PDB file of N, CA and C in Angstrom:
ATOM      1  N   UNK A   1     107.975 -25.728  -3.386  1.00  0.00           N
ATOM      2  CA  UNK A   1     108.745 -25.429  -2.194  1.00  0.00           C
ATOM      3  C   UNK A   1     110.185 -25.104  -2.565  1.00  0.00           C
ATOM      4  N   UNK A   2     110.794 -24.283  -1.783  1.00  0.00           N
ATOM      5  CA  UNK A   2     112.200 -23.925  -1.971  1.00  0.00           C
ATOM      6  C   UNK A   2     112.847 -23.798  -0.599  1.00  0.00           C
ATOM      7  N   UNK A   3     114.137 -23.976  -0.563  1.00  0.00           N
ATOM      8  CA  UNK A   3     114.860 -23.823   0.700  1.00  0.00           C
ATOM      9  C   UNK A   3     116.317 -23.511   0.407  1.00  0.00           C
ATOM     10  N   UNK A   4     116.942 -22.827   1.335  1.00  0.00           N
ATOM     11  CA  UNK A   4     118.373 -22.585   1.250  1.00  0.00           C
ATOM     12  C   UNK A   4     119.001 -22.959   2.580  1.00  0.00           C
ATOM     13  N   UNK A   5     120.266 -23.247   2.547  1.00  0.00           N
ATOM     14  CA  UNK A   5     121.004 -23.577   3.759  1.00  0.00           C
ATOM     15  C   UNK A   5     122.354 -22.876   3.689  1.00  0.00           C
ATOM     16  N   UNK A   6     122.810 -22.404   4.806  1.00  0.00           N
ATOM     17  CA  UNK A   6     124.145 -21.817   4.919  1.00  0.00           C
ATOM     18  C   UNK A   6     124.996 -22.815   5.681  1.00  0.00           C
ATOM     19  N   UNK A   7     126.098 -23.207   5.112  1.00  0.00           N
ATOM     20  CA  UNK A   7     126.935 -24.262   5.690  1.00  0.00           C
ATOM     21  C   UNK A   7     127.845 -23.703   6.781  1.00  0.00           C
ATOM     22  N   UNK A   8     127.215 -23.259   7.880  1.00  0.00           N
ATOM     23  CA  UNK A   8     127.967 -22.755   9.024  1.00  0.00           C
ATOM     24  C   UNK A   8     127.053 -22.721  10.238  1.00  0.00           C
ATOM     25  N   UNK A   9     127.656 -22.682  11.396  1.00  0.00           N
ATOM     26  CA  UNK A   9     126.864 -22.599  12.617  1.00  0.00           C
ATOM     27  C   UNK A   9     126.306 -21.185  12.772  1.00  0.00           C
ATOM     28  N   UNK A  10     125.324 -21.066  13.617  1.00  0.00           N
ATOM     29  CA  UNK A  10     124.714 -19.754  13.849  1.00  0.00           C
ATOM     30  C   UNK A  10     125.751 -18.756  14.356  1.00  0.00           C
ATOM     31  N   UNK A  11     126.684 -19.221  15.171  1.00  0.00           N
ATOM     32  CA  UNK A  11     127.692 -18.300  15.721  1.00  0.00           C
ATOM     33  C   UNK A  11     128.583 -17.704  14.636  1.00  0.00           C
ATOM     34  N   UNK A  12     128.673 -18.354  13.486  1.00  0.00           N
ATOM     35  CA  UNK A  12     129.503 -17.848  12.382  1.00  0.00           C
ATOM     36  C   UNK A  12     128.674 -17.210  11.273  1.00  0.00           C
ATOM     37  N   UNK A  13     127.363 -17.194  11.441  1.00  0.00           N
ATOM     38  CA  UNK A  13     126.471 -16.680  10.416  1.00  0.00           C
ATOM     39  C   UNK A  13     126.179 -15.202  10.652  1.00  0.00           C
ATOM     40  N   UNK A  14     126.203 -14.426   9.589  1.00  0.00           N
ATOM     41  CA  UNK A  14     125.864 -13.007   9.713  1.00  0.00           C
ATOM     42  C   UNK A  14     124.346 -12.850   9.815  1.00  0.00           C
ATOM     43  N   UNK A  15     123.922 -11.711  10.291  1.00  0.00           N
ATOM     44  CA  UNK A  15     122.485 -11.427  10.398  1.00  0.00           C
ATOM     45  C   UNK A  15     121.842 -11.445   9.009  1.00  0.00           C
ATOM     46  N   UNK A  16     122.559 -10.945   8.014  1.00  0.00           N
ATOM     47  CA  UNK A  16     122.035 -10.928   6.645  1.00  0.00           C
ATOM     48  C   UNK A  16     121.817 -12.354   6.122  1.00  0.00           C
ATOM     49  N   UNK A  17     122.758 -13.245   6.395  1.00  0.00           N
ATOM     50  CA  UNK A  17     122.603 -14.642   5.979  1.00  0.00           C
ATOM     51  C   UNK A  17     121.410 -15.283   6.685  1.00  0.00           C
ATOM     52  N   UNK A  18     121.270 -15.032   7.977  1.00  0.00           N
ATOM     53  CA  UNK A  18     120.148 -15.565   8.749  1.00  0.00           C
ATOM     54  C   UNK A  18     118.823 -15.060   8.190  1.00  0.00           C
ATOM     55  N   UNK A  19     118.751 -13.770   7.890  1.00  0.00           N
ATOM     56  CA  UNK A  19     117.532 -13.202   7.319  1.00  0.00           C
ATOM     57  C   UNK A  19     117.202 -13.843   5.975  1.00  0.00           C
ATOM     58  N   UNK A  20     118.225 -14.129   5.159  1.00  0.00           N
ATOM     59  CA  UNK A  20     118.003 -14.800   3.873  1.00  0.00           C
ATOM     60  C   UNK A  20     117.416 -16.194   4.071  1.00  0.00           C
ATOM     61  N   UNK A  21     117.970 -16.942   5.019  1.00  0.00           N
ATOM     62  CA  UNK A  21     117.478 -18.295   5.301  1.00  0.00           C
ATOM     63  C   UNK A  21     116.014 -18.242   5.736  1.00  0.00           C
ATOM     64  N   UNK A  22     115.694 -17.363   6.661  1.00  0.00           N
ATOM     65  CA  UNK A  22     114.312 -17.261   7.132  1.00  0.00           C
ATOM     66  C   UNK A  22     113.373 -16.789   6.031  1.00  0.00           C
ATOM     67  N   UNK A  23     113.836 -15.859   5.233  1.00  0.00           N
ATOM     68  CA  UNK A  23     113.003 -15.325   4.162  1.00  0.00           C
ATOM     69  C   UNK A  23     112.584 -16.415   3.180  1.00  0.00           C
ATOM     70  N   UNK A  24     113.518 -17.265   2.813  1.00  0.00           N
ATOM     71  CA  UNK A  24     113.197 -18.336   1.865  1.00  0.00           C
ATOM     72  C   UNK A  24     112.491 -19.493   2.559  1.00  0.00           C
ATOM     73  N   UNK A  25     113.063 -19.982   3.650  1.00  0.00           N
ATOM     74  CA  UNK A  25     112.579 -21.216   4.264  1.00  0.00           C
ATOM     75  C   UNK A  25     111.261 -21.057   5.016  1.00  0.00           C
ATOM     76  N   UNK A  26     111.034 -19.943   5.658  1.00  0.00           N
ATOM     77  CA  UNK A  26     109.792 -19.754   6.414  1.00  0.00           C
ATOM     78  C   UNK A  26     108.775 -18.906   5.664  1.00  0.00           C
ATOM     79  N   UNK A  27     109.208 -17.790   5.149  1.00  0.00           N
ATOM     80  CA  UNK A  27     108.268 -16.913   4.449  1.00  0.00           C
ATOM     81  C   UNK A  27     107.750 -17.561   3.176  1.00  0.00           C
ATOM     82  N   UNK A  28     108.575 -18.375   2.534  1.00  0.00           N
ATOM     83  CA  UNK A  28     108.127 -19.085   1.334  1.00  0.00           C
ATOM     84  C   UNK A  28     106.958 -20.008   1.632  1.00  0.00           C
ATOM     85  N   UNK A  29     107.057 -20.772   2.706  1.00  0.00           N
ATOM     86  CA  UNK A  29     105.972 -21.676   3.105  1.00  0.00           C
ATOM     87  C   UNK A  29     104.729 -20.870   3.480  1.00  0.00           C
ATOM     88  N   UNK A  30     104.919 -19.808   4.240  1.00  0.00           N
ATOM     89  CA  UNK A  30     103.793 -18.958   4.635  1.00  0.00           C
ATOM     90  C   UNK A  30     103.065 -18.418   3.402  1.00  0.00           C
ATOM     91  N   UNK A  31     103.816 -17.863   2.461  1.00  0.00           N
ATOM     92  CA  UNK A  31     103.201 -17.273   1.267  1.00  0.00           C
ATOM     93  C   UNK A  31     102.466 -18.313   0.430  1.00  0.00           C
ATOM     94  N   UNK A  32     103.058 -19.491   0.256  1.00  0.00           N
ATOM     95  CA  UNK A  32     102.386 -20.552  -0.509  1.00  0.00           C
ATOM     96  C   UNK A  32     101.082 -20.971   0.164  1.00  0.00           C
ATOM     97  N   UNK A  33     101.122 -21.162   1.472  1.00  0.00           N
ATOM     98  CA  UNK A  33      99.910 -21.561   2.198  1.00  0.00           C
ATOM     99  C   UNK A  33      98.852 -20.472   2.147  1.00  0.00           C
ATOM    100  N   UNK A  34      99.249 -19.252   2.364  1.00  0.00           N
ATOM    101  CA  UNK A  34      98.303 -18.134   2.373  1.00  0.00           C
ATOM    102  C   UNK A  34      97.568 -18.022   1.040  1.00  0.00           C
ATOM    103  N   UNK A  35      98.313 -18.076  -0.046  1.00  0.00           N
ATOM    104  CA  UNK A  35      97.688 -17.936  -1.361  1.00  0.00           C
ATOM    105  C   UNK A  35      96.954 -19.212  -1.770  1.00  0.00           C
ATOM    106  N   UNK A  36      97.461 -20.358  -1.339  1.00  0.00           N
ATOM    107  CA  UNK A  36      96.762 -21.608  -1.621  1.00  0.00           C
ATOM    108  C   UNK A  36      95.405 -21.668  -0.953  1.00  0.00           C
ATOM    109  N   UNK A  37      95.326 -21.190   0.273  1.00  0.00           N
ATOM    110  CA  UNK A  37      94.053 -21.202   1.002  1.00  0.00           C
ATOM    111  C   UNK A  37      92.985 -20.371   0.309  1.00  0.00           C
ATOM    112  N   UNK A  38      93.406 -19.313  -0.349  1.00  0.00           N
ATOM    113  CA  UNK A  38      92.449 -18.447  -1.035  1.00  0.00           C
ATOM    114  C   UNK A  38      91.729 -19.185  -2.160  1.00  0.00           C
ATOM    115  N   UNK A  39      92.408 -20.111  -2.823  1.00  0.00           N
ATOM    116  CA  UNK A  39      91.784 -20.834  -3.937  1.00  0.00           C
ATOM    117  C   UNK A  39      91.255 -22.199  -3.515  1.00  0.00           C
ATOM    118  N   UNK A  40      91.411 -22.557  -2.246  1.00  0.00           N
ATOM    119  CA  UNK A  40      90.974 -23.864  -1.752  1.00  0.00           C
ATOM    120  C   UNK A  40      89.807 -23.745  -0.781  1.00  0.00           C
ATOM    121  N   UNK A  41      89.005 -22.742  -0.924  1.00  0.00           N
ATOM    122  CA  UNK A  41      87.906 -22.522   0.017  1.00  0.00           C
ATOM    123  C   UNK A  41      86.908 -23.687   0.039  1.00  0.00           C
ATOM    124  N   UNK A  42      86.771 -24.384  -1.058  1.00  0.00           N
ATOM    125  CA  UNK A  42      85.828 -25.504  -1.135  1.00  0.00           C
ATOM    126  C   UNK A  42      86.414 -26.798  -0.577  1.00  0.00           C
ATOM    127  N   UNK A  43      87.690 -26.799  -0.274  1.00  0.00           N
ATOM    128  CA  UNK A  43      88.323 -27.997   0.279  1.00  0.00           C
ATOM    129  C   UNK A  43      89.672 -28.249  -0.362  1.00  0.00           C
ATOM    130  N   UNK A  44      90.378 -29.162   0.214  1.00  0.00           N
ATOM    131  CA  UNK A  44      91.698 -29.507  -0.292  1.00  0.00           C
ATOM    132  C   UNK A  44      92.657 -29.704   0.860  1.00  0.00           C
ATOM    133  N   UNK A  45      93.903 -29.886   0.530  1.00  0.00           N
ATOM    134  CA  UNK A  45      94.923 -30.104   1.551  1.00  0.00           C
ATOM    135  C   UNK A  45      96.226 -29.451   1.127  1.00  0.00           C
ATOM    136  N   UNK A  46      96.915 -28.927   2.085  1.00  0.00           N
ATOM    137  CA  UNK A  46      98.260 -28.403   1.870  1.00  0.00           C
ATOM    138  C   UNK A  46      99.203 -29.342   2.601  1.00  0.00           C
ATOM    139  N   UNK A  47     100.162 -29.868   1.887  1.00  0.00           N
ATOM    140  CA  UNK A  47     101.128 -30.793   2.470  1.00  0.00           C
ATOM    141  C   UNK A  47     102.489 -30.112   2.464  1.00  0.00           C
ATOM    142  N   UNK A  48     103.047 -29.928   3.641  1.00  0.00           N
ATOM    143  CA  UNK A  48     104.382 -29.338   3.768  1.00  0.00           C
ATOM    144  C   UNK A  48     105.341 -30.429   4.218  1.00  0.00           C
ATOM    145  N   UNK A  49     106.542 -30.364   3.724  1.00  0.00           N
ATOM    146  CA  UNK A  49     107.537 -31.362   4.108  1.00  0.00           C
ATOM    147  C   UNK A  49     108.894 -30.703   4.240  1.00  0.00           C
ATOM    148  N   UNK A  50     109.777 -31.362   4.923  1.00  0.00           N
ATOM    149  CA  UNK A  50     111.120 -30.836   5.146  1.00  0.00           C
ATOM    150  C   UNK A  50     112.164 -31.725   4.503  1.00  0.00           C
ATOM    151  N   UNK A  51     113.392 -31.397   4.759  1.00  0.00           N
ATOM    152  CA  UNK A  51     114.520 -32.110   4.177  1.00  0.00           C
ATOM    153  C   UNK A  51     115.387 -32.705   5.272  1.00  0.00           C
ATOM    154  N   UNK A  52     116.041 -33.784   4.962  1.00  0.00           N
ATOM    155  CA  UNK A  52     116.983 -34.382   5.899  1.00  0.00           C
ATOM    156  C   UNK A  52     118.162 -33.440   6.160  1.00  0.00           C
ATOM    157  N   UNK A  53     118.371 -32.484   5.282  1.00  0.00           N
ATOM    158  CA  UNK A  53     119.456 -31.515   5.465  1.00  0.00           C
ATOM    159  C   UNK A  53     119.309 -30.757   6.778  1.00  0.00           C
ATOM    160  N   UNK A  54     118.104 -30.674   7.285  1.00  0.00           N
ATOM    161  CA  UNK A  54     117.866 -29.947   8.532  1.00  0.00           C
ATOM    162  C   UNK A  54     118.508 -30.619   9.738  1.00  0.00           C
ATOM    163  N   UNK A  55     118.787 -31.915   9.658  1.00  0.00           N
ATOM    164  CA  UNK A  55     119.355 -32.616  10.808  1.00  0.00           C
ATOM    165  C   UNK A  55     120.795 -33.049  10.592  1.00  0.00           C
ATOM    166  N   UNK A  56     121.377 -32.654   9.506  1.00  0.00           N
ATOM    167  CA  UNK A  56     122.778 -33.022   9.257  1.00  0.00           C
ATOM    168  C   UNK A  56     123.716 -32.062   9.926  1.00  0.00           C
TER     169      UNK A  56
END
């Protein structure tokens, strides 16, 4: 897992910065799950977790 954070409020964040955050934080999880499911057809579990940084 990987994540990035921009130390500013949304009102001060550029669209490019927002796109970077979403690309890493959401698309990264999507891509890992998508490719993991392909090799886990017989069973298994995907565990996703977050960071306390999200609520600071």
